[in-house]
Amino acid sequence: KDRDLVPSQSEANGAPLGVVCDSH
């Protein structure tokens, strides 16, 4: 009911991951 005032205790791994690049 308090929405964003309460932190989640669940894993949230849905953001994309970065990828290490070779710039050459």
PDB file of all heavy atoms in Angstrom:
ATOM      1  N   LYS A   1       0.825  -1.216   0.000  1.00  0.00           N
ATOM      2  CA  LYS A   1       0.000   0.000   0.000  1.00  0.00           C
ATOM      3  C   LYS A   1       0.856   1.262   0.000  1.00  0.00           C
ATOM      4  O   LYS A   1       0.417   2.320  -0.461  1.00  0.00           O
ATOM      5  CB  LYS A   1      -0.944   0.011   1.204  1.00  0.00           C
ATOM      6  CG  LYS A   1      -0.261   0.021   2.561  1.00  0.00           C
ATOM      7  CD  LYS A   1      -1.280   0.008   3.699  1.00  0.00           C
ATOM      8  CE  LYS A   1      -0.627   0.006   5.064  1.00  0.00           C
ATOM      9  NZ  LYS A   1       0.179   1.218   5.322  1.00  0.00           N
ATOM     10  N   ASP A   2       2.072   1.189   0.526  1.00  0.00           N
ATOM     11  CA  ASP A   2       2.962   2.355   0.538  1.00  0.00           C
ATOM     12  C   ASP A   2       3.882   2.408  -0.682  1.00  0.00           C
ATOM     13  O   ASP A   2       4.785   3.248  -0.736  1.00  0.00           O
ATOM     14  CB  ASP A   2       3.807   2.349   1.819  1.00  0.00           C
ATOM     15  CG  ASP A   2       2.961   2.578   3.058  1.00  0.00           C
ATOM     16  OD1 ASP A   2       1.973   3.320   2.961  1.00  0.00           O
ATOM     17  OD2 ASP A   2       3.297   1.999   4.113  1.00  0.00           O
ATOM     18  N   ARG A   3       3.698   1.501  -1.602  1.00  0.00           N
ATOM     19  CA  ARG A   3       4.397   1.468  -2.887  1.00  0.00           C
ATOM     20  C   ARG A   3       5.897   1.651  -2.750  1.00  0.00           C
ATOM     21  O   ARG A   3       6.571   0.832  -2.111  1.00  0.00           O
ATOM     22  CB  ARG A   3       3.795   2.505  -3.854  1.00  0.00           C
ATOM     23  CG  ARG A   3       2.299   2.382  -4.052  1.00  0.00           C
ATOM     24  CD  ARG A   3       1.900   1.045  -4.683  1.00  0.00           C
ATOM     25  NE  ARG A   3       2.348   0.922  -6.050  1.00  0.00           N
ATOM     26  CZ  ARG A   3       1.676   1.355  -7.115  1.00  0.00           C
ATOM     27  NH1 ARG A   3       0.513   1.966  -6.940  1.00  0.00           N
ATOM     28  NH2 ARG A   3       2.145   1.172  -8.330  1.00  0.00           N
ATOM     29  N   ASP A   4       6.445   2.725  -3.307  1.00  0.00           N
ATOM     30  CA  ASP A   4       7.904   2.854  -3.421  1.00  0.00           C
ATOM     31  C   ASP A   4       8.588   3.147  -2.090  1.00  0.00           C
ATOM     32  O   ASP A   4       9.820   3.204  -2.039  1.00  0.00           O
ATOM     33  CB  ASP A   4       8.270   3.943  -4.422  1.00  0.00           C
ATOM     34  CG  ASP A   4       7.808   5.322  -3.993  1.00  0.00           C
ATOM     35  OD1 ASP A   4       6.616   5.470  -3.688  1.00  0.00           O
ATOM     36  OD2 ASP A   4       8.641   6.247  -3.950  1.00  0.00           O
ATOM     37  N   LEU A   5       7.841   3.320  -1.025  1.00  0.00           N
ATOM     38  CA  LEU A   5       8.469   3.572   0.275  1.00  0.00           C
ATOM     39  C   LEU A   5       8.984   2.285   0.928  1.00  0.00           C
ATOM     40  O   LEU A   5       9.752   2.342   1.898  1.00  0.00           O
ATOM     41  CB  LEU A   5       7.479   4.260   1.210  1.00  0.00           C
ATOM     42  CG  LEU A   5       7.040   5.673   0.788  1.00  0.00           C
ATOM     43  CD1 LEU A   5       6.020   6.221   1.782  1.00  0.00           C
ATOM     44  CD2 LEU A   5       8.238   6.608   0.675  1.00  0.00           C
ATOM     45  N   VAL A   6       8.595   1.135   0.371  1.00  0.00           N
ATOM     46  CA  VAL A   6       8.966  -0.147   0.975  1.00  0.00           C
ATOM     47  C   VAL A   6       9.889  -0.902   0.016  1.00  0.00           C
ATOM     48  O   VAL A   6       9.483  -1.246  -1.097  1.00  0.00           O
ATOM     49  CB  VAL A   6       7.710  -0.992   1.268  1.00  0.00           C
ATOM     50  CG1 VAL A   6       8.108  -2.324   1.900  1.00  0.00           C
ATOM     51  CG2 VAL A   6       6.758  -0.227   2.172  1.00  0.00           C
ATOM     52  N   PRO A   7      11.131  -1.184   0.414  1.00  0.00           N
ATOM     53  CA  PRO A   7      12.065  -1.865  -0.495  1.00  0.00           C
ATOM     54  C   PRO A   7      11.657  -3.310  -0.738  1.00  0.00           C
ATOM     55  O   PRO A   7      11.125  -3.991   0.152  1.00  0.00           O
ATOM     56  CB  PRO A   7      13.398  -1.789   0.249  1.00  0.00           C
ATOM     57  CG  PRO A   7      13.030  -1.674   1.686  1.00  0.00           C
ATOM     58  CD  PRO A   7      11.761  -0.867   1.716  1.00  0.00           C
ATOM     59  N   SER A   8      11.921  -3.778  -1.938  1.00  0.00           N
ATOM     60  CA  SER A   8      11.629  -5.162  -2.286  1.00  0.00           C
ATOM     61  C   SER A   8      12.691  -6.082  -1.690  1.00  0.00           C
ATOM     62  O   SER A   8      13.871  -5.736  -1.629  1.00  0.00           O
ATOM     63  CB  SER A   8      11.600  -5.326  -3.806  1.00  0.00           C
ATOM     64  OG  SER A   8      11.478  -6.689  -4.151  1.00  0.00           O
ATOM     65  N   GLN A   9      12.264  -7.273  -1.283  1.00  0.00           N
ATOM     66  CA  GLN A   9      13.177  -8.292  -0.767  1.00  0.00           C
ATOM     67  C   GLN A   9      13.421  -9.393  -1.799  1.00  0.00           C
ATOM     68  O   GLN A   9      14.114 -10.369  -1.508  1.00  0.00           O
ATOM     69  CB  GLN A   9      12.605  -8.899   0.518  1.00  0.00           C
ATOM     70  CG  GLN A   9      12.385  -7.895   1.631  1.00  0.00           C
ATOM     71  CD  GLN A   9      13.662  -7.147   1.994  1.00  0.00           C
ATOM     72  OE1 GLN A   9      14.724  -7.749   2.147  1.00  0.00           O
ATOM     73  NE2 GLN A   9      13.559  -5.815   2.123  1.00  0.00           N
ATOM     74  N   SER A  10      12.880  -9.213  -2.994  1.00  0.00           N
ATOM     75  CA  SER A  10      13.030 -10.213  -4.056  1.00  0.00           C
ATOM     76  C   SER A  10      14.140  -9.808  -5.013  1.00  0.00           C
ATOM     77  O   SER A  10      14.374  -8.621  -5.256  1.00  0.00           O
ATOM     78  CB  SER A  10      11.717 -10.361  -4.830  1.00  0.00           C
ATOM     79  OG  SER A  10      10.664 -10.714  -3.957  1.00  0.00           O
ATOM     80  N   GLU A  11      14.811 -10.817  -5.578  1.00  0.00           N
ATOM     81  CA  GLU A  11      15.836 -10.549  -6.582  1.00  0.00           C
ATOM     82  C   GLU A  11      15.187  -9.921  -7.815  1.00  0.00           C
ATOM     83  O   GLU A  11      14.140 -10.378  -8.285  1.00  0.00           O
ATOM     84  CB  GLU A  11      16.544 -11.839  -6.979  1.00  0.00           C
ATOM     85  CG  GLU A  11      17.439 -12.415  -5.898  1.00  0.00           C
ATOM     86  CD  GLU A  11      18.769 -11.684  -5.822  1.00  0.00           C
ATOM     87  OE1 GLU A  11      19.284 -11.257  -6.873  1.00  0.00           O
ATOM     88  OE2 GLU A  11      19.296 -11.535  -4.699  1.00  0.00           O
ATOM     89  N   ALA A  12      15.827  -8.888  -8.330  1.00  0.00           N
ATOM     90  CA  ALA A  12      15.359  -8.229  -9.555  1.00  0.00           C
ATOM     91  C   ALA A  12      16.529  -8.183 -10.530  1.00  0.00           C
ATOM     92  O   ALA A  12      17.403  -7.317 -10.435  1.00  0.00           O
ATOM     93  CB  ALA A  12      14.844  -6.828  -9.251  1.00  0.00           C
ATOM     94  N   ASN A  13      16.535  -9.141 -11.462  1.00  0.00           N
ATOM     95  CA  ASN A  13      17.649  -9.276 -12.407  1.00  0.00           C
ATOM     96  C   ASN A  13      17.209  -9.042 -13.844  1.00  0.00           C
ATOM     97  O   ASN A  13      17.820  -9.556 -14.782  1.00  0.00           O
ATOM     98  CB  ASN A  13      18.270 -10.671 -12.281  1.00  0.00           C
ATOM     99  CG  ASN A  13      18.872 -10.904 -10.910  1.00  0.00           C
ATOM    100  OD1 ASN A  13      19.367  -9.982 -10.273  1.00  0.00           O
ATOM    101  ND2 ASN A  13      18.812 -12.154 -10.439  1.00  0.00           N
ATOM    102  N   GLY A  14      16.143  -8.248 -14.027  1.00  0.00           N
ATOM    103  CA  GLY A  14      15.586  -8.078 -15.364  1.00  0.00           C
ATOM    104  C   GLY A  14      16.231  -7.010 -16.218  1.00  0.00           C
ATOM    105  O   GLY A  14      15.977  -6.931 -17.419  1.00  0.00           O
ATOM    106  N   ALA A  15      17.082  -6.157 -15.614  1.00  0.00           N
ATOM    107  CA  ALA A  15      17.760  -5.133 -16.421  1.00  0.00           C
ATOM    108  C   ALA A  15      18.764  -5.793 -17.352  1.00  0.00           C
ATOM    109  O   ALA A  15      19.379  -6.811 -16.993  1.00  0.00           O
ATOM    110  CB  ALA A  15      18.456  -4.126 -15.515  1.00  0.00           C
ATOM    111  N   PRO A  16      18.977  -5.268 -18.549  1.00  0.00           N
ATOM    112  CA  PRO A  16      20.003  -5.833 -19.426  1.00  0.00           C
ATOM    113  C   PRO A  16      21.370  -5.780 -18.754  1.00  0.00           C
ATOM    114  O   PRO A  16      21.642  -4.925 -17.906  1.00  0.00           O
ATOM    115  CB  PRO A  16      19.966  -4.922 -20.652  1.00  0.00           C
ATOM    116  CG  PRO A  16      18.629  -4.268 -20.619  1.00  0.00           C
ATOM    117  CD  PRO A  16      18.291  -4.126 -19.163  1.00  0.00           C
ATOM    118  N   LEU A  17      22.235  -6.687 -19.146  1.00  0.00           N
ATOM    119  CA  LEU A  17      23.606  -6.698 -18.663  1.00  0.00           C
ATOM    120  C   LEU A  17      24.505  -5.945 -19.629  1.00  0.00           C
ATOM    121  O   LEU A  17      24.258  -5.908 -20.842  1.00  0.00           O
ATOM    122  CB  LEU A  17      24.104  -8.145 -18.533  1.00  0.00           C
ATOM    123  CG  LEU A  17      23.463  -8.984 -17.424  1.00  0.00           C
ATOM    124  CD1 LEU A  17      23.716 -10.461 -17.655  1.00  0.00           C
ATOM    125  CD2 LEU A  17      23.987  -8.551 -16.058  1.00  0.00           C
ATOM    126  N   GLY A  18      25.544  -5.324 -19.093  1.00  0.00           N
ATOM    127  CA  GLY A  18      26.564  -4.755 -19.947  1.00  0.00           C
ATOM    128  C   GLY A  18      27.413  -5.852 -20.571  1.00  0.00           C
ATOM    129  O   GLY A  18      27.462  -6.983 -20.082  1.00  0.00           O
ATOM    130  N   VAL A  19      28.070  -5.524 -21.677  1.00  0.00           N
ATOM    131  CA  VAL A  19      28.953  -6.471 -22.359  1.00  0.00           C
ATOM    132  C   VAL A  19      30.307  -5.806 -22.549  1.00  0.00           C
ATOM    133  O   VAL A  19      30.393  -4.693 -23.086  1.00  0.00           O
ATOM    134  CB  VAL A  19      28.378  -6.891 -23.731  1.00  0.00           C
ATOM    135  CG1 VAL A  19      29.324  -7.876 -24.430  1.00  0.00           C
ATOM    136  CG2 VAL A  19      26.990  -7.506 -23.566  1.00  0.00           C
ATOM    137  N   VAL A  20      31.364  -6.464 -22.100  1.00  0.00           N
ATOM    138  CA  VAL A  20      32.717  -5.943 -22.302  1.00  0.00           C
ATOM    139  C   VAL A  20      33.028  -5.956 -23.795  1.00  0.00           C
ATOM    140  O   VAL A  20      32.779  -6.949 -24.486  1.00  0.00           O
ATOM    141  CB  VAL A  20      33.748  -6.781 -21.531  1.00  0.00           C
ATOM    142  CG1 VAL A  20      35.170  -6.295 -21.829  1.00  0.00           C
ATOM    143  CG2 VAL A  20      33.463  -6.721 -20.036  1.00  0.00           C
ATOM    144  N   CYS A  21      33.562  -4.847 -24.314  1.00  0.00           N
ATOM    145  CA  CYS A  21      33.817  -4.710 -25.746  1.00  0.00           C
ATOM    146  C   CYS A  21      35.305  -4.512 -26.028  1.00  0.00           C
ATOM    147  O   CYS A  21      36.031  -3.929 -25.226  1.00  0.00           O
ATOM    148  CB  CYS A  21      33.048  -3.509 -26.308  1.00  0.00           C
ATOM    149  SG  CYS A  21      31.264  -3.713 -26.313  1.00  0.00           S
ATOM    150  N   ASP A  22      35.712  -4.972 -27.189  1.00  0.00           N
ATOM    151  CA  ASP A  22      37.025  -4.642 -27.742  1.00  0.00           C
ATOM    152  C   ASP A  22      36.806  -3.483 -28.698  1.00  0.00           C
ATOM    153  O   ASP A  22      36.085  -3.615 -29.693  1.00  0.00           O
ATOM    154  CB  ASP A  22      37.608  -5.848 -28.471  1.00  0.00           C
ATOM    155  CG  ASP A  22      39.016  -5.591 -29.015  1.00  0.00           C
ATOM    156  OD1 ASP A  22      39.471  -4.429 -28.958  1.00  0.00           O
ATOM    157  OD2 ASP A  22      39.644  -6.544 -29.497  1.00  0.00           O
ATOM    158  N   SER A  23      37.401  -2.338 -28.429  1.00  0.00           N
ATOM    159  CA  SER A  23      37.113  -1.131 -29.208  1.00  0.00           C
ATOM    160  C   SER A  23      37.819  -1.095 -30.557  1.00  0.00           C
ATOM    161  O   SER A  23      37.557  -0.197 -31.363  1.00  0.00           O
ATOM    162  CB  SER A  23      37.500   0.115 -28.408  1.00  0.00           C
ATOM    163  OG  SER A  23      38.896   0.115 -28.140  1.00  0.00           O
ATOM    164  N   HIS A  24      38.699  -2.052 -30.827  1.00  0.00           N
ATOM    165  CA  HIS A  24      39.451  -1.997 -32.088  1.00  0.00           C
ATOM    166  C   HIS A  24      38.525  -2.165 -33.289  1.00  0.00           C
ATOM    167  O   HIS A  24      37.649  -3.041 -33.309  1.00  0.00           O
ATOM    168  CB  HIS A  24      40.521  -3.081 -32.128  1.00  0.00           C
ATOM    169  CG  HIS A  24      41.251  -3.126 -33.448  1.00  0.00           C
ATOM    170  ND1 HIS A  24      42.172  -2.170 -33.834  1.00  0.00           N
ATOM    171  CD2 HIS A  24      41.157  -4.003 -34.482  1.00  0.00           C
ATOM    172  CE1 HIS A  24      42.625  -2.459 -35.032  1.00  0.00           C
ATOM    173  NE2 HIS A  24      42.034  -3.563 -35.452  1.00  0.00           N
TER     174      HIS A  24
END
